[in-house]
Amino acid sequence: MTAQQTSAKQHRLAKAWYSKALWPQLLLPLSLLYGLLISLRAYCYRLGLIKSYRAPVPVIIVGNIAVGGTGKTPVVVALAKYLKAQGYQPGIISRGYGSQAPHYPYAVTENSNALESGDEPLLIARASQCPLVIAADRPAAARYLLAQYHCDIIIADDGLQHYALQRDIEIVVVDGQRQFGNGWLLPAGPLREPLSRLKQVDYQLYNGGSAPASPHCYAMQLQPQALVNLHTGASLSTEQWPHKHTVHAVAGIGNPQRFFNSLKALGFNTISHSFADHHHYSASDLQFNDELAIIMTEKDAVKVASFATESMWYLPVSCEITTKFYQRLAKQLATLTAKQQQ
């Protein structure tokens, strides 16, 4: 089965979750079993029957309760930059999904390669300029980070369901357009945890669309930046784009349609190519036998750099979050810091 065939199956399932399709109801017995298991697991952590690790510095979790792309990676980068601007020394931990590191925990730097580090960790390390450690064992990653680097706060990328690592602040990123689909747990729906879990988190960031009228819900937007050529490093705004506006659009992310829609909103006519999330590209994947430019996500670009041509570009995005979110976060961090200093 090719990468694009695998991707097509994944996206058909996601389409069923986020539409009024009835056939996912056949999977509800499995969702019930899954729900019982995750509830039991969370209960055991609360009672201390399963050990968890408390880091000596504040831990901020950035995650989601629905599978698929929600815009979590840009939030991690924006949060890291904000904390640095406030005088903190943040470090980041991540699972490193799809990575093939020589050992774990593994420190990712801007000079790491995507095969060893995974695509998202490498993107985050380069964009944030913060220490970053990957490991499926989040407590081990946190210990390693603190042992190797002088960090006074930890950002855990995609760690909401990893209760082995205790946390001080939880941030959930929500796709403001798709939101929670049919509202069912996996595999009948897209939810990793029930919607009631949202009542326990500190912040909900709604990526696109409008946020609910709640003191814990905030709006955010991903703003496209200038296009960057993978081969030359040159950057061009979409207004300066010299090529015909028909391009190949390539995305191997959780929600590729969001990227394709962004390009269309910028005025491009796209020939869309979806790949599975975290797909490891080969040069043949991007040989389309024409002279059209290829535009991909920044996450895909880190895996293509070694065989990039002048026809390949990527579209970076910046994360803009309402000021009220940062104001409340600053107060919460000040309170946490004061408690730790007592």
C-alpha atoms as a PDB file:
ATOM      1  CA  MET A   1       0.000   0.000   0.000  1.00  0.00           C
ATOM      2  CA  THR A   2       1.435   3.394  -0.983  1.00  0.00           C
ATOM      3  CA  ALA A   3       1.750   6.352   1.390  1.00  0.00           C
ATOM      4  CA  GLN A   4      -1.024   8.187  -0.419  1.00  0.00           C
ATOM      5  CA  GLN A   5      -3.343   5.154  -0.230  1.00  0.00           C
ATOM      6  CA  THR A   6      -2.716   4.951   3.532  1.00  0.00           C
ATOM      7  CA  SER A   7      -3.395   8.664   3.827  1.00  0.00           C
ATOM      8  CA  ALA A   8      -6.617   8.330   1.832  1.00  0.00           C
ATOM      9  CA  LYS A   9      -7.933   5.670   4.240  1.00  0.00           C
ATOM     10  CA  GLN A  10      -7.064   7.825   7.252  1.00  0.00           C
ATOM     11  CA  HIS A  11      -8.810  10.832   5.771  1.00  0.00           C
ATOM     12  CA  ARG A  12     -11.924   8.821   4.873  1.00  0.00           C
ATOM     13  CA  LEU A  13     -12.213   7.794   8.515  1.00  0.00           C
ATOM     14  CA  ALA A  14     -11.687  11.366   9.683  1.00  0.00           C
ATOM     15  CA  LYS A  15     -14.304  12.575   7.200  1.00  0.00           C
ATOM     16  CA  ALA A  16     -16.791  10.113   8.680  1.00  0.00           C
ATOM     17  CA  TRP A  17     -16.038  11.355  12.200  1.00  0.00           C
ATOM     18  CA  TYR A  18     -16.596  14.977  11.222  1.00  0.00           C
ATOM     19  CA  SER A  19     -19.733  14.428   9.151  1.00  0.00           C
ATOM     20  CA  LYS A  20     -23.140  12.878   9.772  1.00  0.00           C
ATOM     21  CA  ALA A  21     -22.011   9.446   8.598  1.00  0.00           C
ATOM     22  CA  LEU A  22     -23.816   6.657  10.433  1.00  0.00           C
ATOM     23  CA  TRP A  23     -21.448   3.738   9.956  1.00  0.00           C
ATOM     24  CA  PRO A  24     -19.023   4.788  12.770  1.00  0.00           C
ATOM     25  CA  GLN A  25     -21.844   3.859  15.185  1.00  0.00           C
ATOM     26  CA  LEU A  26     -20.913   0.238  14.498  1.00  0.00           C
ATOM     27  CA  LEU A  27     -17.719   0.924  16.435  1.00  0.00           C
ATOM     28  CA  LEU A  28     -19.471   2.290  19.535  1.00  0.00           C
ATOM     29  CA  PRO A  29     -18.994  -0.937  21.572  1.00  0.00           C
ATOM     30  CA  LEU A  30     -15.240  -0.541  21.100  1.00  0.00           C
ATOM     31  CA  SER A  31     -15.510   3.124  22.072  1.00  0.00           C
ATOM     32  CA  LEU A  32     -17.317   2.121  25.267  1.00  0.00           C
ATOM     33  CA  LEU A  33     -14.532  -0.308  26.141  1.00  0.00           C
ATOM     34  CA  TYR A  34     -11.901   2.305  25.337  1.00  0.00           C
ATOM     35  CA  GLY A  35     -13.694   4.839  27.538  1.00  0.00           C
ATOM     36  CA  LEU A  36     -13.797   2.432  30.478  1.00  0.00           C
ATOM     37  CA  LEU A  37     -10.086   1.692  30.148  1.00  0.00           C
ATOM     38  CA  ILE A  38      -8.962   5.319  29.998  1.00  0.00           C
ATOM     39  CA  SER A  39     -11.254   6.251  32.901  1.00  0.00           C
ATOM     40  CA  LEU A  40      -9.823   3.436  35.015  1.00  0.00           C
ATOM     41  CA  ARG A  41      -6.289   4.481  34.121  1.00  0.00           C
ATOM     42  CA  ALA A  42      -6.902   8.124  35.032  1.00  0.00           C
ATOM     43  CA  TYR A  43      -8.553   7.065  38.309  1.00  0.00           C
ATOM     44  CA  CYS A  44      -5.527   4.938  39.229  1.00  0.00           C
ATOM     45  CA  TYR A  45      -3.224   7.912  38.668  1.00  0.00           C
ATOM     46  CA  ARG A  46      -5.421  10.139  40.842  1.00  0.00           C
ATOM     47  CA  LEU A  47      -5.312   7.599  43.672  1.00  0.00           C
ATOM     48  CA  GLY A  48      -1.569   7.163  43.337  1.00  0.00           C
ATOM     49  CA  LEU A  49      -1.905   3.492  42.415  1.00  0.00           C
ATOM     50  CA  ILE A  50       0.243   4.235  39.367  1.00  0.00           C
ATOM     51  CA  LYS A  51       3.337   6.313  40.021  1.00  0.00           C
ATOM     52  CA  SER A  52       3.724   9.758  38.492  1.00  0.00           C
ATOM     53  CA  TYR A  53       6.585  12.249  38.441  1.00  0.00           C
ATOM     54  CA  ARG A  54       6.497  15.771  39.836  1.00  0.00           C
ATOM     55  CA  ALA A  55       9.163  17.969  38.218  1.00  0.00           C
ATOM     56  CA  PRO A  56      10.858  20.612  40.392  1.00  0.00           C
ATOM     57  CA  VAL A  57       9.798  23.318  37.907  1.00  0.00           C
ATOM     58  CA  PRO A  58       6.370  24.265  36.516  1.00  0.00           C
ATOM     59  CA  VAL A  59       5.077  22.019  33.724  1.00  0.00           C
ATOM     60  CA  ILE A  60       2.773  23.320  30.986  1.00  0.00           C
ATOM     61  CA  ILE A  61       0.963  20.725  28.893  1.00  0.00           C
ATOM     62  CA  VAL A  62      -0.067  21.613  25.332  1.00  0.00           C
ATOM     63  CA  GLY A  63      -2.319  18.925  23.892  1.00  0.00           C
ATOM     64  CA  ASN A  64      -5.703  18.074  22.478  1.00  0.00           C
ATOM     65  CA  ILE A  65      -8.537  15.652  23.106  1.00  0.00           C
ATOM     66  CA  ALA A  66      -9.210  14.949  19.428  1.00  0.00           C
ATOM     67  CA  VAL A  67      -6.879  13.146  17.049  1.00  0.00           C
ATOM     68  CA  GLY A  68      -5.659  14.938  13.954  1.00  0.00           C
ATOM     69  CA  GLY A  69      -4.098  18.318  13.393  1.00  0.00           C
ATOM     70  CA  THR A  70      -5.365  21.171  15.537  1.00  0.00           C
ATOM     71  CA  GLY A  71      -2.447  23.619  15.305  1.00  0.00           C
ATOM     72  CA  LYS A  72      -0.712  22.444  18.456  1.00  0.00           C
ATOM     73  CA  THR A  73       2.864  22.768  17.139  1.00  0.00           C
ATOM     74  CA  PRO A  74       2.630  26.526  16.387  1.00  0.00           C
ATOM     75  CA  VAL A  75       1.150  27.025  19.865  1.00  0.00           C
ATOM     76  CA  VAL A  76       4.165  25.309  21.458  1.00  0.00           C
ATOM     77  CA  VAL A  77       6.513  27.570  19.486  1.00  0.00           C
ATOM     78  CA  ALA A  78       4.542  30.721  20.338  1.00  0.00           C
ATOM     79  CA  LEU A  79       4.412  29.766  24.008  1.00  0.00           C
ATOM     80  CA  ALA A  80       8.163  29.105  24.134  1.00  0.00           C
ATOM     81  CA  LYS A  81       8.921  32.469  22.537  1.00  0.00           C
ATOM     82  CA  TYR A  82       6.555  34.234  24.935  1.00  0.00           C
ATOM     83  CA  LEU A  83       8.142  32.608  27.990  1.00  0.00           C
ATOM     84  CA  LYS A  84      11.635  33.561  26.818  1.00  0.00           C
ATOM     85  CA  ALA A  85      10.489  37.148  26.334  1.00  0.00           C
ATOM     86  CA  GLN A  86       9.189  37.117  29.928  1.00  0.00           C
ATOM     87  CA  GLY A  87      12.602  36.074  31.257  1.00  0.00           C
ATOM     88  CA  TYR A  88      11.973  32.340  31.668  1.00  0.00           C
ATOM     89  CA  GLN A  89      14.303  29.634  30.377  1.00  0.00           C
ATOM     90  CA  PRO A  90      11.879  27.107  28.894  1.00  0.00           C
ATOM     91  CA  GLY A  91      12.689  23.586  27.810  1.00  0.00           C
ATOM     92  CA  ILE A  92      10.427  21.385  25.709  1.00  0.00           C
ATOM     93  CA  ILE A  93       9.711  17.666  25.813  1.00  0.00           C
ATOM     94  CA  SER A  94       7.939  15.649  23.142  1.00  0.00           C
ATOM     95  CA  ARG A  95       7.235  12.052  22.286  1.00  0.00           C
ATOM     96  CA  GLY A  96       9.074  12.360  18.988  1.00  0.00           C
ATOM     97  CA  TYR A  97       6.532  10.358  17.022  1.00  0.00           C
ATOM     98  CA  GLY A  98       8.120   8.701  13.993  1.00  0.00           C
ATOM     99  CA  SER A  99      11.656   9.384  15.215  1.00  0.00           C
ATOM    100  CA  GLN A 100      14.494   6.880  14.940  1.00  0.00           C
ATOM    101  CA  ALA A 101      16.898   8.294  17.508  1.00  0.00           C
ATOM    102  CA  PRO A 102      19.979   6.272  18.506  1.00  0.00           C
ATOM    103  CA  HIS A 103      18.773   6.361  22.117  1.00  0.00           C
ATOM    104  CA  TYR A 104      16.011   7.802  24.295  1.00  0.00           C
ATOM    105  CA  PRO A 105      15.778  10.295  25.880  1.00  0.00           C
ATOM    106  CA  TYR A 106      17.359  12.167  22.969  1.00  0.00           C
ATOM    107  CA  ALA A 107      18.214  15.859  22.729  1.00  0.00           C
ATOM    108  CA  VAL A 108      17.051  17.516  19.516  1.00  0.00           C
ATOM    109  CA  THR A 109      18.954  20.549  18.226  1.00  0.00           C
ATOM    110  CA  GLU A 110      18.506  22.718  15.160  1.00  0.00           C
ATOM    111  CA  ASN A 111      21.232  20.636  13.489  1.00  0.00           C
ATOM    112  CA  SER A 112      19.495  17.289  14.078  1.00  0.00           C
ATOM    113  CA  ASN A 113      18.075  15.380  11.142  1.00  0.00           C
ATOM    114  CA  ALA A 114      14.374  14.693  10.820  1.00  0.00           C
ATOM    115  CA  LEU A 115      14.801  10.912  10.650  1.00  0.00           C
ATOM    116  CA  GLU A 116      16.373  10.772  14.110  1.00  0.00           C
ATOM    117  CA  SER A 117      14.374  13.534  15.773  1.00  0.00           C
ATOM    118  CA  GLY A 118      10.957  13.338  14.118  1.00  0.00           C
ATOM    119  CA  ASP A 119       9.479  16.168  12.070  1.00  0.00           C
ATOM    120  CA  GLU A 120       7.592  18.159  14.704  1.00  0.00           C
ATOM    121  CA  PRO A 121      10.384  18.167  17.342  1.00  0.00           C
ATOM    122  CA  LEU A 122      12.909  19.386  14.761  1.00  0.00           C
ATOM    123  CA  LEU A 123      10.557  22.122  13.584  1.00  0.00           C
ATOM    124  CA  ILE A 124       9.919  23.211  17.187  1.00  0.00           C
ATOM    125  CA  ALA A 125      13.616  23.154  18.123  1.00  0.00           C
ATOM    126  CA  ARG A 126      14.531  25.330  15.145  1.00  0.00           C
ATOM    127  CA  ALA A 127      11.647  27.763  15.501  1.00  0.00           C
ATOM    128  CA  SER A 128      11.802  28.183  19.288  1.00  0.00           C
ATOM    129  CA  GLN A 129      15.581  27.973  19.804  1.00  0.00           C
ATOM    130  CA  CYS A 130      14.863  26.116  23.049  1.00  0.00           C
ATOM    131  CA  PRO A 131      16.325  22.873  24.427  1.00  0.00           C
ATOM    132  CA  LEU A 132      14.135  19.949  23.373  1.00  0.00           C
ATOM    133  CA  VAL A 133      14.206  16.305  24.439  1.00  0.00           C
ATOM    134  CA  ILE A 134      12.190  13.450  22.947  1.00  0.00           C
ATOM    135  CA  ALA A 135      11.096  10.204  24.607  1.00  0.00           C
ATOM    136  CA  ALA A 136       7.874   8.239  24.835  1.00  0.00           C
ATOM    137  CA  ASP A 137       8.509   8.167  28.597  1.00  0.00           C
ATOM    138  CA  ARG A 138       7.630  11.778  29.460  1.00  0.00           C
ATOM    139  CA  PRO A 139       9.051  11.698  33.026  1.00  0.00           C
ATOM    140  CA  ALA A 140      12.341  10.365  31.644  1.00  0.00           C
ATOM    141  CA  ALA A 141      12.363  13.150  29.056  1.00  0.00           C
ATOM    142  CA  ALA A 142      11.734  15.767  31.757  1.00  0.00           C
ATOM    143  CA  ARG A 143      14.498  14.409  34.002  1.00  0.00           C
ATOM    144  CA  TYR A 144      16.961  14.338  31.118  1.00  0.00           C
ATOM    145  CA  LEU A 145      16.039  17.871  30.063  1.00  0.00           C
ATOM    146  CA  LEU A 146      16.587  19.243  33.558  1.00  0.00           C
ATOM    147  CA  ALA A 147      19.847  17.317  33.976  1.00  0.00           C
ATOM    148  CA  GLN A 148      21.324  18.552  30.698  1.00  0.00           C
ATOM    149  CA  TYR A 149      19.990  22.112  30.503  1.00  0.00           C
ATOM    150  CA  HIS A 150      19.273  24.984  32.854  1.00  0.00           C
ATOM    151  CA  CYS A 151      15.506  25.234  32.421  1.00  0.00           C
ATOM    152  CA  ASP A 152      13.101  26.800  34.891  1.00  0.00           C
ATOM    153  CA  ILE A 153       9.889  25.742  33.132  1.00  0.00           C
ATOM    154  CA  ILE A 154       8.877  22.781  30.940  1.00  0.00           C
ATOM    155  CA  ILE A 155       6.509  22.763  27.973  1.00  0.00           C
ATOM    156  CA  ALA A 156       5.214  19.257  27.238  1.00  0.00           C
ATOM    157  CA  ASP A 157       4.189  18.904  23.602  1.00  0.00           C
ATOM    158  CA  ASP A 158       1.155  16.642  23.163  1.00  0.00           C
ATOM    159  CA  GLY A 159       1.193  15.250  26.692  1.00  0.00           C
ATOM    160  CA  LEU A 160      -2.389  15.765  27.847  1.00  0.00           C
ATOM    161  CA  GLN A 161      -3.128  12.048  28.199  1.00  0.00           C
ATOM    162  CA  HIS A 162       0.282  11.169  29.695  1.00  0.00           C
ATOM    163  CA  TYR A 163      -0.586  11.317  33.383  1.00  0.00           C
ATOM    164  CA  ALA A 164       2.756   9.842  34.432  1.00  0.00           C
ATOM    165  CA  LEU A 165       3.989  13.439  34.240  1.00  0.00           C
ATOM    166  CA  GLN A 166       2.285  15.721  36.737  1.00  0.00           C
ATOM    167  CA  ARG A 167       1.385  19.130  35.419  1.00  0.00           C
ATOM    168  CA  ASP A 168       0.609  22.636  36.641  1.00  0.00           C
ATOM    169  CA  ILE A 169      -1.122  24.093  33.590  1.00  0.00           C
ATOM    170  CA  GLU A 170      -3.080  22.351  30.835  1.00  0.00           C
ATOM    171  CA  ILE A 171      -3.724  23.968  27.448  1.00  0.00           C
ATOM    172  CA  VAL A 172      -5.975  22.226  24.935  1.00  0.00           C
ATOM    173  CA  VAL A 173      -5.872  23.277  21.281  1.00  0.00           C
ATOM    174  CA  VAL A 174      -9.148  22.836  19.399  1.00  0.00           C
ATOM    175  CA  ASP A 175      -9.802  22.991  15.670  1.00  0.00           C
ATOM    176  CA  GLY A 176     -12.224  25.909  15.678  1.00  0.00           C
ATOM    177  CA  GLN A 177     -13.910  24.739  12.488  1.00  0.00           C
ATOM    178  CA  ARG A 178     -14.146  20.951  12.916  1.00  0.00           C
ATOM    179  CA  GLN A 179     -14.176  21.052  16.738  1.00  0.00           C
ATOM    180  CA  PHE A 180     -15.089  17.591  18.128  1.00  0.00           C
ATOM    181  CA  GLY A 181     -16.816  15.902  15.204  1.00  0.00           C
ATOM    182  CA  ASN A 182     -19.513  13.426  16.235  1.00  0.00           C
ATOM    183  CA  GLY A 183     -18.421  13.720  19.880  1.00  0.00           C
ATOM    184  CA  TRP A 184     -17.633  10.026  20.293  1.00  0.00           C
ATOM    185  CA  LEU A 185     -14.524   8.403  21.672  1.00  0.00           C
ATOM    186  CA  LEU A 186     -12.122   6.433  19.503  1.00  0.00           C
ATOM    187  CA  PRO A 187     -12.607   4.503  17.292  1.00  0.00           C
ATOM    188  CA  ALA A 188     -16.214   5.549  16.583  1.00  0.00           C
ATOM    189  CA  GLY A 189     -15.203   9.199  16.836  1.00  0.00           C
ATOM    190  CA  PRO A 190     -12.102  11.384  17.035  1.00  0.00           C
ATOM    191  CA  LEU A 191     -11.940  11.881  20.809  1.00  0.00           C
ATOM    192  CA  ARG A 192      -9.033  10.631  22.901  1.00  0.00           C
ATOM    193  CA  GLU A 193     -10.930  11.589  26.068  1.00  0.00           C
ATOM    194  CA  PRO A 194     -14.572  12.526  26.702  1.00  0.00           C
ATOM    195  CA  LEU A 195     -15.689  16.123  26.262  1.00  0.00           C
ATOM    196  CA  SER A 196     -16.131  16.388  30.033  1.00  0.00           C
ATOM    197  CA  ARG A 197     -12.320  16.449  30.244  1.00  0.00           C
ATOM    198  CA  LEU A 198     -12.402  20.026  28.955  1.00  0.00           C
ATOM    199  CA  LYS A 199     -13.889  21.166  32.269  1.00  0.00           C
ATOM    200  CA  GLN A 200     -10.630  20.206  33.987  1.00  0.00           C
ATOM    201  CA  VAL A 201      -8.159  22.076  31.764  1.00  0.00           C
ATOM    202  CA  ASP A 202      -6.950  25.634  32.324  1.00  0.00           C
ATOM    203  CA  TYR A 203      -7.183  26.949  28.767  1.00  0.00           C
ATOM    204  CA  GLN A 204      -8.905  26.060  25.517  1.00  0.00           C
ATOM    205  CA  LEU A 205      -7.462  27.658  22.380  1.00  0.00           C
ATOM    206  CA  TYR A 206      -9.773  27.635  19.356  1.00  0.00           C
ATOM    207  CA  ASN A 207      -7.789  27.654  16.136  1.00  0.00           C
ATOM    208  CA  GLY A 208      -9.920  29.509  13.597  1.00  0.00           C
ATOM    209  CA  GLY A 209     -13.614  30.113  13.985  1.00  0.00           C
ATOM    210  CA  SER A 210     -14.876  31.673  17.192  1.00  0.00           C
ATOM    211  CA  ALA A 211     -14.227  30.573  20.755  1.00  0.00           C
ATOM    212  CA  PRO A 212     -17.163  29.793  23.077  1.00  0.00           C
ATOM    213  CA  ALA A 213     -18.150  32.512  25.529  1.00  0.00           C
ATOM    214  CA  SER A 214     -16.274  31.037  28.476  1.00  0.00           C
ATOM    215  CA  PRO A 215     -13.499  32.491  30.667  1.00  0.00           C
ATOM    216  CA  HIS A 216     -11.294  29.503  29.787  1.00  0.00           C
ATOM    217  CA  CYS A 217     -11.739  29.723  25.999  1.00  0.00           C
ATOM    218  CA  TYR A 218      -9.606  31.926  23.761  1.00  0.00           C
ATOM    219  CA  ALA A 219      -9.351  32.545  20.031  1.00  0.00           C
ATOM    220  CA  MET A 220      -6.184  31.965  18.027  1.00  0.00           C
ATOM    221  CA  GLN A 221      -5.259  32.219  14.365  1.00  0.00           C
ATOM    222  CA  LEU A 222      -2.474  30.761  12.230  1.00  0.00           C
ATOM    223  CA  GLN A 223      -1.169  33.535   9.994  1.00  0.00           C
ATOM    224  CA  PRO A 224       0.706  32.572   6.794  1.00  0.00           C
ATOM    225  CA  GLN A 225       4.129  34.165   6.424  1.00  0.00           C
ATOM    226  CA  ALA A 226       6.353  34.638   3.368  1.00  0.00           C
ATOM    227  CA  LEU A 227       7.014  31.537   1.287  1.00  0.00           C
ATOM    228  CA  VAL A 228      10.532  30.095   1.653  1.00  0.00           C
ATOM    229  CA  ASN A 229      12.442  28.218  -1.038  1.00  0.00           C
ATOM    230  CA  LEU A 230      13.867  24.959   0.299  1.00  0.00           C
ATOM    231  CA  HIS A 231      16.840  24.978  -2.072  1.00  0.00           C
ATOM    232  CA  THR A 232      17.979  28.608  -1.966  1.00  0.00           C
ATOM    233  CA  GLY A 233      16.472  29.901   1.289  1.00  0.00           C
ATOM    234  CA  ALA A 234      14.975  32.863  -0.559  1.00  0.00           C
ATOM    235  CA  SER A 235      11.670  34.170   0.767  1.00  0.00           C
ATOM    236  CA  LEU A 236       8.813  35.712  -1.166  1.00  0.00           C
ATOM    237  CA  SER A 237       5.499  37.118  -0.091  1.00  0.00           C
ATOM    238  CA  THR A 238       2.495  35.730  -1.915  1.00  0.00           C
ATOM    239  CA  GLU A 239       2.136  39.129  -3.614  1.00  0.00           C
ATOM    240  CA  GLN A 240       5.656  38.732  -5.056  1.00  0.00           C
ATOM    241  CA  TRP A 241       5.036  35.167  -6.248  1.00  0.00           C
ATOM    242  CA  PRO A 242       6.443  35.052  -9.820  1.00  0.00           C
ATOM    243  CA  HIS A 243       5.061  31.700 -10.927  1.00  0.00           C
ATOM    244  CA  LYS A 244       1.700  30.732 -12.309  1.00  0.00           C
ATOM    245  CA  HIS A 245      -0.770  30.414  -9.495  1.00  0.00           C
ATOM    246  CA  THR A 246      -1.398  26.721 -10.137  1.00  0.00           C
ATOM    247  CA  VAL A 247       0.867  24.763  -7.781  1.00  0.00           C
ATOM    248  CA  HIS A 248       1.282  21.319  -6.314  1.00  0.00           C
ATOM    249  CA  ALA A 249       0.214  21.462  -2.645  1.00  0.00           C
ATOM    250  CA  VAL A 250       1.817  18.782  -0.455  1.00  0.00           C
ATOM    251  CA  ALA A 251       0.824  18.002   3.127  1.00  0.00           C
ATOM    252  CA  GLY A 252       1.625  15.098   5.422  1.00  0.00           C
ATOM    253  CA  ILE A 253      -0.111  16.444   8.524  1.00  0.00           C
ATOM    254  CA  GLY A 254      -3.090  15.582  10.685  1.00  0.00           C
ATOM    255  CA  ASN A 255      -5.519  17.841   8.819  1.00  0.00           C
ATOM    256  CA  PRO A 256      -4.125  18.498   5.319  1.00  0.00           C
ATOM    257  CA  GLN A 257      -7.318  20.159   4.120  1.00  0.00           C
ATOM    258  CA  ARG A 258      -6.623  23.113   6.417  1.00  0.00           C
ATOM    259  CA  PHE A 259      -3.340  23.702   4.565  1.00  0.00           C
ATOM    260  CA  PHE A 260      -4.938  23.321   1.150  1.00  0.00           C
ATOM    261  CA  ASN A 261      -7.667  25.776   2.140  1.00  0.00           C
ATOM    262  CA  SER A 262      -5.021  28.276   3.298  1.00  0.00           C
ATOM    263  CA  LEU A 263      -3.317  28.177  -0.099  1.00  0.00           C
ATOM    264  CA  LYS A 264      -6.632  28.641  -1.886  1.00  0.00           C
ATOM    265  CA  ALA A 265      -7.422  31.615   0.349  1.00  0.00           C
ATOM    266  CA  LEU A 266      -4.085  33.127  -0.709  1.00  0.00           C
ATOM    267  CA  GLY A 267      -5.116  32.873  -4.353  1.00  0.00           C
ATOM    268  CA  PHE A 268      -3.444  29.645  -5.447  1.00  0.00           C
ATOM    269  CA  ASN A 269      -5.052  26.990  -7.597  1.00  0.00           C
ATOM    270  CA  THR A 270      -3.879  23.766  -6.025  1.00  0.00           C
ATOM    271  CA  ILE A 271      -3.254  20.241  -7.187  1.00  0.00           C
ATOM    272  CA  SER A 272      -3.465  18.600  -3.771  1.00  0.00           C
ATOM    273  CA  HIS A 273      -1.326  15.688  -2.593  1.00  0.00           C
ATOM    274  CA  SER A 274      -2.099  14.272   0.871  1.00  0.00           C
ATOM    275  CA  PHE A 275       0.308  11.978   2.694  1.00  0.00           C
ATOM    276  CA  ALA A 276      -0.014  10.243   6.048  1.00  0.00           C
ATOM    277  CA  ASP A 277       0.880  12.296   9.115  1.00  0.00           C
ATOM    278  CA  HIS A 278       4.645  12.098   9.832  1.00  0.00           C
ATOM    279  CA  HIS A 279       5.279  10.495   6.420  1.00  0.00           C
ATOM    280  CA  HIS A 280       8.977  10.024   5.565  1.00  0.00           C
ATOM    281  CA  TYR A 281       9.342  11.448   2.068  1.00  0.00           C
ATOM    282  CA  SER A 282      11.489  10.182  -0.766  1.00  0.00           C
ATOM    283  CA  ALA A 283      12.360  12.186  -3.862  1.00  0.00           C
ATOM    284  CA  SER A 284       9.987  10.062  -5.933  1.00  0.00           C
ATOM    285  CA  ASP A 285       7.037  11.198  -3.775  1.00  0.00           C
ATOM    286  CA  LEU A 286       7.462  14.715  -5.132  1.00  0.00           C
ATOM    287  CA  GLN A 287       8.181  13.974  -8.787  1.00  0.00           C
ATOM    288  CA  PHE A 288       5.112  15.277 -10.597  1.00  0.00           C
ATOM    289  CA  ASN A 289       6.631  15.459 -14.104  1.00  0.00           C
ATOM    290  CA  ASP A 290       5.805  19.083 -14.810  1.00  0.00           C
ATOM    291  CA  GLU A 291       7.271  22.534 -14.214  1.00  0.00           C
ATOM    292  CA  LEU A 292       4.817  23.656 -11.541  1.00  0.00           C
ATOM    293  CA  ALA A 293       6.079  24.843  -8.171  1.00  0.00           C
ATOM    294  CA  ILE A 294       5.543  22.649  -5.108  1.00  0.00           C
ATOM    295  CA  ILE A 295       4.361  24.248  -1.859  1.00  0.00           C
ATOM    296  CA  MET A 296       4.335  22.274   1.381  1.00  0.00           C
ATOM    297  CA  THR A 297       3.986  22.826   5.115  1.00  0.00           C
ATOM    298  CA  GLU A 298       6.980  23.731   7.259  1.00  0.00           C
ATOM    299  CA  LYS A 299       6.599  20.381   9.018  1.00  0.00           C
ATOM    300  CA  ASP A 300       6.999  18.571   5.694  1.00  0.00           C
ATOM    301  CA  ALA A 301       9.894  20.804   4.663  1.00  0.00           C
ATOM    302  CA  VAL A 302      12.227  19.573   7.418  1.00  0.00           C
ATOM    303  CA  LYS A 303      12.023  16.067   5.910  1.00  0.00           C
ATOM    304  CA  VAL A 304      12.528  17.156   2.311  1.00  0.00           C
ATOM    305  CA  ALA A 305      15.523  19.474   2.752  1.00  0.00           C
ATOM    306  CA  SER A 306      18.130  16.827   1.845  1.00  0.00           C
ATOM    307  CA  PHE A 307      16.789  16.422  -1.702  1.00  0.00           C
ATOM    308  CA  ALA A 308      15.066  19.775  -2.224  1.00  0.00           C
ATOM    309  CA  THR A 309      15.005  21.429  -5.634  1.00  0.00           C
ATOM    310  CA  GLU A 310      14.408  25.030  -6.636  1.00  0.00           C
ATOM    311  CA  SER A 311      10.773  24.229  -7.381  1.00  0.00           C
ATOM    312  CA  MET A 312      10.066  23.387  -3.718  1.00  0.00           C
ATOM    313  CA  TRP A 313       8.736  25.983  -1.273  1.00  0.00           C
ATOM    314  CA  TYR A 314       7.180  25.891   2.178  1.00  0.00           C
ATOM    315  CA  LEU A 315       4.681  28.153   3.880  1.00  0.00           C
ATOM    316  CA  PRO A 316       5.537  29.004   7.505  1.00  0.00           C
ATOM    317  CA  VAL A 317       2.777  30.149   9.828  1.00  0.00           C
ATOM    318  CA  SER A 318       2.814  32.208  12.995  1.00  0.00           C
ATOM    319  CA  CYS A 319       0.420  31.681  15.870  1.00  0.00           C
ATOM    320  CA  GLU A 320      -1.527  34.711  17.061  1.00  0.00           C
ATOM    321  CA  ILE A 321      -3.352  34.286  20.365  1.00  0.00           C
ATOM    322  CA  THR A 322      -5.535  36.886  22.018  1.00  0.00           C
ATOM    323  CA  THR A 323      -3.768  39.104  24.567  1.00  0.00           C
ATOM    324  CA  LYS A 324      -6.188  38.045  27.307  1.00  0.00           C
ATOM    325  CA  PHE A 325      -4.745  34.527  27.181  1.00  0.00           C
ATOM    326  CA  TYR A 326      -1.219  35.755  27.838  1.00  0.00           C
ATOM    327  CA  GLN A 327      -2.381  38.107  30.585  1.00  0.00           C
ATOM    328  CA  ARG A 328      -4.080  35.290  32.484  1.00  0.00           C
ATOM    329  CA  LEU A 329      -1.167  32.930  31.872  1.00  0.00           C
ATOM    330  CA  ALA A 330       1.306  35.489  33.250  1.00  0.00           C
ATOM    331  CA  LYS A 331      -0.695  35.793  36.471  1.00  0.00           C
ATOM    332  CA  GLN A 332      -0.930  32.025  36.855  1.00  0.00           C
ATOM    333  CA  LEU A 333       2.810  31.581  36.310  1.00  0.00           C
ATOM    334  CA  ALA A 334       3.600  34.328  38.808  1.00  0.00           C
ATOM    335  CA  THR A 335       1.503  32.522  41.418  1.00  0.00           C
ATOM    336  CA  LEU A 336       3.218  29.191  40.678  1.00  0.00           C
ATOM    337  CA  THR A 337       6.670  30.742  40.873  1.00  0.00           C
ATOM    338  CA  ALA A 338       5.868  32.429  44.179  1.00  0.00           C
ATOM    339  CA  LYS A 339       4.685  29.132  45.685  1.00  0.00           C
ATOM    340  CA  GLN A 340       7.838  27.315  44.594  1.00  0.00           C
ATOM    341  CA  GLN A 341      10.041  29.986  46.127  1.00  0.00           C
ATOM    342  CA  GLN A 342       8.373  29.698  49.533  1.00  0.00           C
END
